[in-house]
């Protein structure tokens, strides 16, 4: 099981990959348009179809990737929130103990030296 830092590193690497894929698709389509359309090896309609196909595949894969990573981040957030709740409960207990000690100390002082 990956810890939180490993998950962040993994997500960062995946983001770099998707940035690279986006740049690669744009450059590839630009090269196809510039090189192959004037030579009449590909029609402009075919390049548009290829572009739409790549866009559709990339969008679906990215959507699935985003949903999975949002789930990972929400799990991390819930884990952090439960940790904060545990710490808050500990502070409440400490506060109660300190107040109890103060009351006990005040009761002892009143017994030893009553106030006039």
C-alpha atoms as a PDB file:
ATOM      1  CA  UNK A   1       0.000   0.000   0.000  1.00  0.00           C
ATOM      2  CA  UNK A   2       1.360   3.385  -0.987  1.00  0.00           C
ATOM      3  CA  UNK A   3       1.659   6.062   1.637  1.00  0.00           C
ATOM      4  CA  UNK A   4       0.459   9.602   1.009  1.00  0.00           C
ATOM      5  CA  UNK A   5       3.812  10.933  -0.277  1.00  0.00           C
ATOM      6  CA  UNK A   6       4.149   8.051  -2.744  1.00  0.00           C
ATOM      7  CA  UNK A   7       0.629   8.739  -4.006  1.00  0.00           C
ATOM      8  CA  UNK A   8       1.471  12.413  -4.541  1.00  0.00           C
ATOM      9  CA  UNK A   9       4.641  11.478  -6.441  1.00  0.00           C
ATOM     10  CA  UNK A  10       2.689   8.991  -8.567  1.00  0.00           C
ATOM     11  CA  UNK A  11      -0.014  11.547  -9.370  1.00  0.00           C
ATOM     12  CA  UNK A  12       2.650  14.143 -10.249  1.00  0.00           C
ATOM     13  CA  UNK A  13       4.338  11.705 -12.625  1.00  0.00           C
ATOM     14  CA  UNK A  14       0.989  10.902 -14.221  1.00  0.00           C
ATOM     15  CA  UNK A  15       0.276  14.619 -14.670  1.00  0.00           C
ATOM     16  CA  UNK A  16       3.610  15.020 -16.455  1.00  0.00           C
ATOM     17  CA  UNK A  17       2.705  12.097 -18.719  1.00  0.00           C
ATOM     18  CA  UNK A  18      -0.672  13.607 -19.631  1.00  0.00           C
ATOM     19  CA  UNK A  19       0.930  16.976 -20.382  1.00  0.00           C
ATOM     20  CA  UNK A  20       3.361  15.163 -22.668  1.00  0.00           C
ATOM     21  CA  UNK A  21       0.524  13.265 -24.404  1.00  0.00           C
ATOM     22  CA  UNK A  22      -1.408  16.504 -24.987  1.00  0.00           C
ATOM     23  CA  UNK A  23       1.649  18.164 -26.556  1.00  0.00           C
ATOM     24  CA  UNK A  24       2.421  15.089 -28.649  1.00  0.00           C
ATOM     25  CA  UNK A  25      -1.092  14.897 -30.090  1.00  0.00           C
ATOM     26  CA  UNK A  26      -1.086  18.570 -31.078  1.00  0.00           C
ATOM     27  CA  UNK A  27       2.367  18.336 -32.665  1.00  0.00           C
ATOM     28  CA  UNK A  28       1.440  15.128 -34.508  1.00  0.00           C
ATOM     29  CA  UNK A  29      -1.712  16.665 -35.944  1.00  0.00           C
ATOM     30  CA  UNK A  30       0.177  19.812 -36.946  1.00  0.00           C
ATOM     31  CA  UNK A  31       2.794  17.730 -38.776  1.00  0.00           C
ATOM     32  CA  UNK A  32       0.076  15.735 -40.531  1.00  0.00           C
ATOM     33  CA  UNK A  33      -1.663  18.907 -41.683  1.00  0.00           C
ATOM     34  CA  UNK A  34       1.527  20.663 -42.776  1.00  0.00           C
ATOM     35  CA  UNK A  35       3.165  17.688 -44.483  1.00  0.00           C
ATOM     36  CA  UNK A  36       0.511  15.365 -45.789  1.00  0.00           C
ATOM     37  CA  UNK A  37      -2.352  17.599 -46.896  1.00  0.00           C
ATOM     38  CA  UNK A  38      -0.332  19.576 -49.489  1.00  0.00           C
ATOM     39  CA  UNK A  39       1.083  16.279 -50.821  1.00  0.00           C
ATOM     40  CA  UNK A  40      -2.490  14.961 -51.011  1.00  0.00           C
ATOM     41  CA  UNK A  41      -1.535  11.828 -49.083  1.00  0.00           C
ATOM     42  CA  UNK A  42      -4.244  12.541 -46.538  1.00  0.00           C
ATOM     43  CA  UNK A  43      -7.406  14.521 -46.924  1.00  0.00           C
ATOM     44  CA  UNK A  44      -8.203  17.251 -44.452  1.00  0.00           C
ATOM     45  CA  UNK A  45     -11.370  15.353 -43.449  1.00  0.00           C
ATOM     46  CA  UNK A  46      -9.265  12.314 -42.536  1.00  0.00           C
ATOM     47  CA  UNK A  47      -6.988  14.407 -40.350  1.00  0.00           C
ATOM     48  CA  UNK A  48     -10.008  15.945 -38.620  1.00  0.00           C
ATOM     49  CA  UNK A  49     -11.388  12.444 -38.025  1.00  0.00           C
ATOM     50  CA  UNK A  50      -8.028  11.249 -36.630  1.00  0.00           C
ATOM     51  CA  UNK A  51      -7.907  14.322 -34.373  1.00  0.00           C
ATOM     52  CA  UNK A  52     -11.425  13.738 -33.094  1.00  0.00           C
ATOM     53  CA  UNK A  53     -10.665  10.076 -32.466  1.00  0.00           C
ATOM     54  CA  UNK A  54      -7.499  10.907 -30.513  1.00  0.00           C
ATOM     55  CA  UNK A  55      -9.377  13.586 -28.588  1.00  0.00           C
ATOM     56  CA  UNK A  56     -12.183  11.173 -27.696  1.00  0.00           C
ATOM     57  CA  UNK A  57      -9.836   8.406 -26.535  1.00  0.00           C
ATOM     58  CA  UNK A  58      -7.711  10.847 -24.541  1.00  0.00           C
ATOM     59  CA  UNK A  59     -10.806  12.404 -22.940  1.00  0.00           C
ATOM     60  CA  UNK A  60     -12.237   9.060 -21.819  1.00  0.00           C
ATOM     61  CA  UNK A  61      -8.918   7.826 -20.421  1.00  0.00           C
ATOM     62  CA  UNK A  62      -8.282  11.160 -18.709  1.00  0.00           C
ATOM     63  CA  UNK A  63     -11.770  11.146 -17.190  1.00  0.00           C
ATOM     64  CA  UNK A  64     -11.237   7.678 -15.713  1.00  0.00           C
ATOM     65  CA  UNK A  65      -7.800   8.728 -14.440  1.00  0.00           C
ATOM     66  CA  UNK A  66      -9.260  11.892 -12.853  1.00  0.00           C
ATOM     67  CA  UNK A  67     -12.036   9.976 -11.089  1.00  0.00           C
ATOM     68  CA  UNK A  68      -9.558   7.445  -9.667  1.00  0.00           C
ATOM     69  CA  UNK A  69      -7.222  10.190  -8.432  1.00  0.00           C
ATOM     70  CA  UNK A  70     -10.059  12.182  -6.900  1.00  0.00           C
ATOM     71  CA  UNK A  71     -11.005   9.045  -4.954  1.00  0.00           C
ATOM     72  CA  UNK A  72      -7.385   8.667  -3.764  1.00  0.00           C
ATOM     73  CA  UNK A  73      -7.300  12.309  -2.656  1.00  0.00           C
ATOM     74  CA  UNK A  74     -10.665  12.035  -0.890  1.00  0.00           C
ATOM     75  CA  UNK A  75      -9.467   8.934   0.957  1.00  0.00           C
ATOM     76  CA  UNK A  76      -6.372  10.846   2.063  1.00  0.00           C
ATOM     77  CA  UNK A  77      -8.544  13.779   3.144  1.00  0.00           C
ATOM     78  CA  UNK A  78     -10.867  11.532   5.154  1.00  0.00           C
ATOM     79  CA  UNK A  79      -7.890   9.854   6.804  1.00  0.00           C
ATOM     80  CA  UNK A  80      -6.441  13.263   7.716  1.00  0.00           C
ATOM     81  CA  UNK A  81      -9.818  14.419   9.047  1.00  0.00           C
ATOM     82  CA  UNK A  82     -10.137  11.355  11.259  1.00  0.00           C
ATOM     83  CA  UNK A  83      -6.617  11.996  12.554  1.00  0.00           C
ATOM     84  CA  UNK A  84      -7.551  15.589  13.342  1.00  0.00           C
ATOM     85  CA  UNK A  85     -10.687  14.402  15.147  1.00  0.00           C
ATOM     86  CA  UNK A  86      -8.574  12.034  17.256  1.00  0.00           C
ATOM     87  CA  UNK A  87      -6.182  14.861  18.159  1.00  0.00           C
ATOM     88  CA  UNK A  88      -9.122  17.141  18.990  1.00  0.00           C
ATOM     89  CA  UNK A  89     -10.575  14.466  21.297  1.00  0.00           C
ATOM     90  CA  UNK A  90      -7.191  14.173  23.021  1.00  0.00           C
ATOM     91  CA  UNK A  91      -7.141  17.947  23.571  1.00  0.00           C
ATOM     92  CA  UNK A  92     -10.620  17.803  25.115  1.00  0.00           C
ATOM     93  CA  UNK A  93      -9.461  15.067  27.494  1.00  0.00           C
ATOM     94  CA  UNK A  94      -6.317  17.041  28.391  1.00  0.00           C
ATOM     95  CA  UNK A  95      -8.401  20.166  29.018  1.00  0.00           C
ATOM     96  CA  UNK A  96     -10.732  18.229  31.326  1.00  0.00           C
ATOM     97  CA  UNK A  97      -7.768  16.780  33.218  1.00  0.00           C
ATOM     98  CA  UNK A  98      -6.181  20.222  33.620  1.00  0.00           C
ATOM     99  CA  UNK A  99      -9.459  21.671  34.901  1.00  0.00           C
ATOM    100  CA  UNK A 100      -9.777  18.755  37.331  1.00  0.00           C
ATOM    101  CA  UNK A 101      -6.223  19.356  38.595  1.00  0.00           C
ATOM    102  CA  UNK A 102      -6.990  23.079  39.016  1.00  0.00           C
ATOM    103  CA  UNK A 103     -10.141  22.287  41.012  1.00  0.00           C
ATOM    104  CA  UNK A 104      -8.276  19.790  43.172  1.00  0.00           C
ATOM    105  CA  UNK A 105      -5.472  22.292  43.737  1.00  0.00           C
ATOM    106  CA  UNK A 106      -7.964  25.037  44.662  1.00  0.00           C
ATOM    107  CA  UNK A 107      -9.735  22.682  47.086  1.00  0.00           C
ATOM    108  CA  UNK A 108      -6.425  21.812  48.760  1.00  0.00           C
ATOM    109  CA  UNK A 109      -5.471  25.482  49.091  1.00  0.00           C
ATOM    110  CA  UNK A 110      -8.872  26.288  50.623  1.00  0.00           C
ATOM    111  CA  UNK A 111      -8.400  23.475  53.135  1.00  0.00           C
ATOM    112  CA  UNK A 112      -4.905  24.590  54.112  1.00  0.00           C
ATOM    113  CA  UNK A 113      -5.484  28.350  54.235  1.00  0.00           C
ATOM    114  CA  UNK A 114      -9.140  29.334  54.299  1.00  0.00           C
ATOM    115  CA  UNK A 115      -9.899  32.726  52.791  1.00  0.00           C
ATOM    116  CA  UNK A 116     -11.297  35.408  55.073  1.00  0.00           C
END
